[in-house]
Protein backbone atom coordinates (compact mmCIF):
# COMPACT_ATOMS: atom_id res chain seq x y z
CA MET A 1 100.96 31.35 12.75
CA GLU A 2 103.23 34.23 13.75
CA PRO A 3 104.90 35.97 10.83
CA SER A 4 108.66 35.54 10.80
CA ARG A 5 110.92 38.50 11.25
CA GLY A 6 114.23 38.96 9.53
CA VAL A 7 115.56 37.48 6.30
CA ALA A 8 115.30 33.71 6.11
CA ALA A 9 118.45 33.24 4.04
CA GLU A 10 120.71 35.19 6.36
CA PRO A 11 122.39 33.75 9.47
CA LEU A 12 122.36 35.66 12.74
CA ALA A 13 125.42 37.86 13.15
CA PRO A 14 127.42 37.12 16.35
CA ARG A 15 126.91 40.65 17.68
CA ASP A 16 123.16 40.14 17.44
CA VAL A 17 122.95 36.89 19.40
CA ILE A 18 122.36 38.27 22.91
CA PRO A 19 119.92 40.99 21.80
CA ALA A 20 118.00 38.36 19.85
CA LEU A 21 117.93 35.99 22.83
CA ILE A 22 116.48 38.77 24.99
CA SER A 23 114.00 39.80 22.30
CA GLU A 24 112.74 36.22 21.96
CA GLY A 25 112.53 35.63 25.72
CA VAL A 26 115.18 32.92 25.86
CA VAL A 27 116.85 35.06 28.51
CA THR A 28 115.57 38.20 30.20
CA ALA A 29 117.19 41.60 30.37
CA GLU A 30 117.23 41.26 34.16
CA GLU A 31 119.13 37.98 33.91
CA ALA A 32 121.61 39.57 31.55
CA VAL A 33 122.30 42.31 34.11
CA THR A 34 122.15 40.40 37.40
CA SER A 35 123.36 36.92 36.47
CA GLY A 36 125.29 37.45 33.29
CA VAL A 37 124.83 35.73 29.93
CA MET A 38 127.74 33.91 28.34
CA VAL A 39 127.59 32.95 24.67
CA GLN A 40 130.28 30.60 23.41
CA ASP A 41 130.87 29.72 19.77
CA VAL A 42 130.89 25.91 19.54
CA GLY A 43 130.02 25.51 15.86
CA ARG A 44 131.88 23.79 13.07
CA SER A 45 129.81 23.50 9.90
CA HIS A 46 127.37 26.21 11.09
CA GLN A 47 127.38 29.08 13.53
CA MET A 48 126.35 27.48 16.80
CA TYR A 49 126.42 29.05 20.23
CA SER A 50 126.01 27.63 23.71
CA VAL A 51 124.13 30.01 25.99
CA SER A 52 124.64 30.00 29.75
CA VAL A 53 122.93 32.20 32.33
CA GLY A 54 124.76 32.64 35.62
CA GLY A 55 127.05 29.78 34.62
CA VAL A 56 124.13 27.37 34.05
CA PRO A 57 123.59 26.06 30.50
CA ARG A 58 120.31 27.41 29.10
CA ALA A 59 120.15 26.82 25.35
CA TYR A 60 121.90 26.16 22.07
CA LEU A 61 121.39 28.56 19.18
CA LYS A 62 122.22 27.38 15.67
CA SER A 63 122.32 29.84 12.78
CA PHE A 64 122.37 28.50 9.22
CA GLY A 65 123.94 30.37 6.35
CA PRO A 66 122.72 30.31 2.74
CA SER A 67 122.25 26.74 1.52
CA ARG A 68 125.16 25.15 -0.33
CA GLY A 69 122.81 22.58 -1.85
CA ALA A 70 122.08 18.94 -1.09
CA SER A 71 125.23 18.40 0.98
CA ASP A 72 124.24 20.51 3.97
CA GLY A 73 121.39 20.61 6.45
CA SER A 74 118.70 23.17 7.11
CA ALA A 75 116.78 24.87 9.86
CA ALA A 76 113.59 23.75 8.11
CA LYS A 77 114.44 20.11 8.79
CA GLU A 78 115.11 20.85 12.45
CA ARG A 79 111.78 22.63 12.82
CA ALA A 80 109.90 19.87 10.99
CA VAL A 81 111.30 17.26 13.37
CA ALA A 82 110.43 19.47 16.36
CA ALA A 83 106.84 19.72 15.08
CA LEU A 84 106.62 15.93 14.89
CA ALA A 85 108.04 15.69 18.42
CA ALA A 86 105.16 17.84 19.66
CA GLU A 87 102.72 15.22 18.37
CA ARG A 88 104.54 11.90 18.77
CA PRO A 89 105.97 10.74 22.10
CA ALA A 90 108.49 8.37 20.48
CA VAL A 91 109.95 11.31 18.56
CA ALA A 92 109.91 13.59 21.59
CA ALA A 93 111.84 10.96 23.55
CA LEU A 94 114.93 11.55 21.39
CA VAL A 95 114.62 15.17 20.24
CA PRO A 96 115.65 18.17 22.39
CA ARG A 97 112.83 20.59 23.06
CA HIS A 98 112.83 23.59 20.75
CA LEU A 99 112.36 26.98 22.38
CA PRO A 100 109.93 29.50 20.86
CA TRP A 101 111.58 31.58 18.17
CA ARG A 102 109.89 34.12 15.90
CA GLY A 103 113.10 35.66 14.61
CA PRO A 104 115.10 34.85 11.48
CA GLN A 105 114.03 31.47 10.11
CA ALA A 106 117.65 30.49 9.54
CA VAL A 107 117.92 30.11 13.34
CA VAL A 108 116.81 27.31 15.67
CA VAL A 109 117.11 27.33 19.46
CA THR A 110 116.93 24.24 21.64
CA GLU A 111 117.18 23.57 25.34
CA ALA A 112 120.68 22.83 26.60
CA GLN A 113 121.25 19.13 27.17
CA PRO A 114 123.28 17.97 30.19
CA GLY A 115 124.47 14.76 28.53
CA ARG A 116 127.94 13.65 27.53
CA ALA A 117 129.12 12.43 24.12
CA ALA A 118 128.39 8.80 23.44
CA TRP A 119 131.97 7.59 23.11
CA ALA A 120 135.18 8.17 25.03
CA ASP A 121 138.56 7.86 23.37
CA GLU A 122 140.46 7.39 26.61
CA ALA A 123 138.99 3.95 27.39
CA ASP A 124 141.07 0.80 27.03
CA GLY A 125 139.89 -2.32 25.19
CA GLY A 126 137.79 -3.77 27.99
CA GLU A 127 136.21 -0.44 28.82
CA GLN A 128 135.43 0.12 25.14
CA GLY A 129 133.37 -3.06 25.08
CA ALA A 130 131.47 -1.98 28.19
CA LEU A 131 130.89 1.48 26.72
CA TRP A 132 129.51 -0.01 23.52
CA SER A 133 127.17 -2.37 25.36
CA ASP A 134 125.96 0.54 27.49
CA LEU A 135 125.31 2.61 24.36
CA VAL A 136 123.41 -0.26 22.73
CA ARG A 137 121.30 -0.67 25.87
CA ARG A 138 120.48 3.04 25.88
CA ILE A 139 119.85 3.72 22.20
CA ALA A 140 118.54 0.57 20.50
CA LYS A 141 115.01 0.70 21.88
CA PRO A 142 114.31 4.45 21.61
CA LEU A 143 115.79 4.58 18.10
CA ALA A 144 113.69 1.60 17.04
CA ASP A 145 110.60 3.19 18.62
CA PHE A 146 111.38 6.44 16.80
CA HIS A 147 111.66 4.69 13.45
CA ARG A 148 108.47 2.68 14.05
CA ALA A 149 106.52 5.79 15.06
CA THR A 150 107.35 7.53 11.77
CA ARG A 151 106.79 4.73 9.26
CA ASP A 152 103.56 6.36 8.16
CA LEU A 153 105.62 9.18 6.63
CA ALA A 154 106.95 6.69 4.05
CA ALA A 155 103.67 4.87 3.41
CA PRO A 156 102.24 4.87 -0.13
CA GLY A 157 100.45 8.14 -0.73
CA ALA A 158 101.96 9.77 2.39
CA ARG A 159 102.78 13.45 2.32
CA PRO A 160 105.61 14.05 4.79
CA PRO A 161 106.65 17.60 5.63
CA PRO A 162 108.36 18.98 2.50
CA ALA A 163 111.64 19.57 4.36
CA LEU A 164 111.82 15.86 5.24
CA ALA A 165 110.90 14.48 1.82
CA ALA A 166 114.52 14.41 0.69
CA LYS A 167 116.47 12.26 -1.72
CA PRO A 168 118.95 9.65 -0.42
CA PRO A 169 122.07 11.14 1.20
CA TRP A 170 124.26 13.04 -1.24
CA VAL A 171 127.16 10.62 -0.99
CA LEU A 172 125.08 7.87 -2.60
CA ALA A 173 124.70 10.00 -5.72
CA LEU A 174 128.42 10.56 -6.29
CA ALA A 175 128.75 7.71 -8.79
CA SER A 176 125.30 7.98 -10.34
CA GLY A 177 125.68 11.11 -12.44
CA ASP A 178 123.25 13.26 -10.47
CA ALA A 179 125.33 14.35 -7.50
CA ALA A 180 124.88 17.86 -6.15
CA PRO A 181 126.97 20.22 -8.33
CA GLU A 182 128.66 21.85 -5.36
CA ILE A 183 130.36 18.55 -4.49
CA TRP A 184 132.38 18.55 -7.71
CA GLN A 185 132.93 22.32 -7.70
CA THR A 186 134.53 22.52 -4.24
CA GLN A 187 138.29 22.83 -4.71
CA HIS A 188 139.10 21.57 -1.21
CA ILE A 189 137.83 18.09 -1.95
CA THR A 190 138.94 17.46 -5.53
CA ARG A 191 141.57 14.93 -4.44
CA ALA A 192 138.93 12.86 -2.67
CA THR A 193 136.33 13.12 -5.43
CA GLY A 194 139.00 12.39 -8.04
CA ARG A 195 139.98 9.23 -6.18
CA ILE A 196 136.35 8.15 -5.97
CA SER A 197 135.69 8.62 -9.68
CA ALA A 198 138.84 6.64 -10.56
CA ASP A 199 138.30 3.71 -8.16
CA PRO A 200 136.01 0.95 -9.52
CA TRP A 201 135.28 -0.45 -6.06
CA LEU A 202 134.17 2.94 -4.75
CA CYS A 203 132.06 3.76 -7.81
CA GLN A 204 130.41 0.34 -7.98
CA GLY A 205 129.94 0.25 -4.21
CA LEU A 206 128.22 3.63 -4.06
CA ARG A 207 125.93 2.67 -6.94
CA ALA A 208 125.06 -0.58 -5.14
CA ALA A 209 124.35 1.29 -1.91
CA ARG A 210 122.01 3.66 -3.70
CA GLY A 211 120.30 0.73 -5.39
CA ILE A 212 119.34 -0.88 -2.07
CA TRP A 213 118.10 2.35 -0.47
CA ARG A 214 114.60 2.14 0.96
CA ASP A 215 112.32 4.91 2.18
CA MET A 216 110.81 3.37 5.31
CA CYS A 217 110.58 5.99 8.07
CA LEU A 218 112.09 9.22 9.38
CA ILE A 219 115.84 8.93 10.02
CA HIS A 220 118.37 11.23 11.65
CA ALA A 221 120.87 10.68 8.81
CA ASP A 222 123.91 12.11 10.66
CA LEU A 223 124.45 10.00 13.77
CA LYS A 224 127.94 10.34 15.23
CA HIS A 225 129.56 10.38 18.65
CA ASP A 226 128.88 14.04 19.46
CA ASN A 227 125.30 13.97 18.18
CA VAL A 228 124.37 11.19 20.61
CA LEU A 229 124.34 12.39 24.22
CA LEU A 230 124.11 10.05 27.20
CA LEU A 231 121.93 11.24 30.07
CA ASP A 232 121.90 10.08 33.68
CA ARG A 233 119.18 11.55 35.87
CA ASP A 234 118.04 10.30 39.25
CA GLY A 235 119.58 6.89 38.64
CA VAL A 236 117.90 6.50 35.25
CA SER A 237 120.08 6.33 32.14
CA GLY A 238 118.91 7.52 28.76
CA VAL A 239 119.95 9.16 25.52
CA VAL A 240 119.07 12.23 23.48
CA ILE A 241 120.02 12.92 19.87
CA ILE A 242 120.86 16.43 18.71
CA ASP A 243 121.44 18.13 15.33
CA TRP A 244 118.51 16.99 13.19
CA GLU A 245 119.46 19.26 10.30
CA MET A 246 120.01 16.30 7.91
CA ALA A 247 116.84 14.39 8.86
CA ARG A 248 114.73 12.88 6.07
CA VAL A 249 112.44 10.04 5.20
CA GLY A 250 114.80 7.20 4.41
CA ASP A 251 116.31 3.86 5.34
CA PRO A 252 116.67 3.08 9.07
CA ALA A 253 119.67 0.91 8.23
CA TRP A 254 121.50 4.15 7.36
CA ASP A 255 121.24 5.25 11.00
CA ILE A 256 122.38 1.85 12.27
CA ALA A 257 125.34 1.88 9.87
CA ALA A 258 126.35 5.33 11.10
CA LEU A 259 126.41 4.17 14.71
CA ALA A 260 128.30 1.00 13.79
CA VAL A 261 131.09 2.64 11.83
CA ARG A 262 131.33 6.31 12.79
CA LEU A 263 131.48 6.07 16.57
CA PRO A 264 134.36 3.56 16.84
CA MET A 265 136.19 5.12 13.87
CA THR A 266 135.86 8.70 15.10
CA ALA A 267 136.84 8.12 18.70
CA LEU A 268 139.20 5.18 18.45
CA GLY A 269 140.40 4.87 14.88
CA GLU A 270 139.31 1.24 14.87
CA ASP A 271 139.27 -0.94 11.78
CA PRO A 272 135.63 -0.84 10.62
CA TRP A 273 135.85 -4.39 9.24
CA SER A 274 137.57 -6.09 12.16
CA GLU A 275 135.97 -9.04 13.91
CA ARG A 276 135.38 -6.87 16.97
CA THR A 277 133.57 -4.20 14.95
CA ILE A 278 131.40 -6.83 13.26
CA GLU A 279 130.53 -8.30 16.68
CA ARG A 280 129.56 -4.85 17.98
CA THR A 281 127.49 -4.15 14.88
CA ALA A 282 125.68 -7.46 15.37
CA GLU A 283 125.02 -6.59 19.02
CA LEU A 284 123.44 -3.29 18.02
CA LEU A 285 121.50 -4.85 15.15
CA SER A 286 120.06 -7.63 17.33
CA ALA A 287 118.89 -5.21 20.01
CA TYR A 288 117.45 -2.81 17.44
CA THR A 289 115.55 -5.36 15.34
CA GLU A 290 114.09 -7.01 18.44
CA VAL A 291 112.17 -3.79 19.07
CA SER A 292 111.70 -2.53 15.51
CA ARG A 293 110.40 -5.94 14.38
CA LEU A 294 112.35 -5.65 11.18
CA PRO A 295 114.00 -8.89 10.01
CA ALA A 296 117.62 -8.74 11.15
CA PRO A 297 119.04 -10.56 8.09
CA ALA A 298 117.35 -8.09 5.72
CA VAL A 299 118.83 -5.12 7.56
CA ALA A 300 122.21 -6.86 7.79
CA LYS A 301 122.34 -7.16 4.01
CA ARG A 302 122.26 -3.37 3.66
CA LEU A 303 124.63 -2.46 6.48
CA PRO A 304 128.07 -3.19 4.91
CA ALA A 305 127.37 -1.04 1.84
CA TYR A 306 126.03 1.78 4.01
CA MET A 307 128.95 1.54 6.43
CA ALA A 308 131.39 1.85 3.53
CA ALA A 309 129.40 4.78 2.12
CA TRP A 310 129.64 6.52 5.49
CA LEU A 311 133.43 6.16 5.27
CA VAL A 312 133.37 7.85 1.84
CA MET A 313 131.29 10.69 3.26
CA SER A 314 133.64 11.00 6.24
CA ALA A 315 136.63 11.20 3.89
CA ILE A 316 135.10 14.06 1.94
CA GLN A 317 134.03 15.87 5.10
CA HIS A 318 137.53 15.42 6.54
CA GLN A 319 139.20 16.85 3.45
CA SER A 320 136.74 19.76 3.29
CA THR A 321 138.07 20.99 6.64
CA GLN A 322 141.72 20.94 5.52
CA ALA A 323 143.68 23.67 3.78
CA PRO A 324 144.17 22.99 0.04
CA ASP A 325 147.90 22.32 0.46
CA THR A 326 147.43 19.97 3.44
CA SER A 327 148.26 16.27 3.15
CA ASP A 328 145.20 14.15 2.45
CA ASP A 329 146.46 11.10 4.35
CA GLY A 330 143.37 11.00 6.58
CA ALA A 331 140.94 11.11 3.67
CA SER A 332 142.96 8.57 1.69
CA GLU A 333 142.94 6.15 4.61
CA LEU A 334 139.16 6.43 4.95
CA LEU A 335 138.70 5.86 1.22
CA ASP A 336 140.99 2.81 1.38
CA LYS A 337 138.83 1.36 4.13
CA ALA A 338 135.66 2.17 2.21
CA ALA A 339 136.97 0.41 -0.90
CA LEU A 340 137.91 -2.61 1.21
CA GLY A 341 134.44 -2.72 2.71
CA PHE A 342 132.77 -2.57 -0.69
CA SER A 343 135.06 -5.29 -2.03
CA ARG A 344 134.30 -7.56 0.97
CA ARG A 345 130.62 -6.70 1.17
CA GLU A 346 129.31 -10.25 0.67
CA GLN A 347 131.74 -11.74 3.19
CA ILE A 348 130.91 -9.09 5.81
CA THR A 349 127.20 -9.60 5.21
CA ARG A 350 127.50 -13.34 5.80
CA SER A 351 129.38 -12.70 9.04
CA LEU A 352 126.69 -10.31 10.25
CA ILE A 353 123.85 -12.68 9.38
CA ARG A 354 125.56 -15.54 11.20
CA ALA A 355 126.05 -13.32 14.24
CA VAL A 356 122.39 -12.28 14.47
CA SER A 357 120.82 -15.61 13.51
């Protein structure tokens, strides 16, 4: 194995991006002179740069800063998933190819993907239904194949890569007394965390969600509209999933819940507990379990709690991006919807089971 260069804990400074790309062979010095290299900052939670050569997308470079604890991702997870993709076709089918990188270990570089985000907010009601059905058709089988191909990582006595042997997502620990300390110490989100600790439905719901968690396979653990890219090449439609920094051995229902609640909510602001959302969730669940061979009713029983937990996580993430003196209306609305979902969990579960039976 090649020794790493640089300091693992330090992100790559912006001024060093192009020299590093040339040093690692992602682009050549000749290309930089004759064609031009454009590096655009497209990151939010991390430094992330899109790299184009002569106007043609070439790569994405992501540079991680020092870890904040259990609530953020890591380059080690991305590299561990890439290593599995090199050995397992079902993993490679969803994961962008990583480009060789011997530089700072806080950096990962992947091939640029020509796809488009999985959801469009400009569609009307009828188009939304068609978009959802198209997404289900594209993603249900490869995601089920991915989960099936990694079940051995959760088998008794298995030793998954250390970076992927993580605890359940941090949001499930908020009401259990062992949440990551940085969650409670971050001033930006005290209004959201204060609301959670004072709301019985949210506390009880998060504890219930943690109680039903199952380690069954490798999961992405952060599926959302801009992490799922739709590809169309030579008349063949497909999908690729990016940003594997939160991946872990866990419950596949967590990934299904993310798709069911985060895509419509993020792009359209839809009610996550409406009849239409439940119908779409059932459509995804039926297609997924047909391939995964998991019993649909068993997965359905875990989805409402996980969907509500995703809303809690989204509320905290939303507030973390706001200035301290900014109104928390967006976070409060998400927490209201999460509390409603937890309070109606049994009713929603029955509706899902009827829809998939």
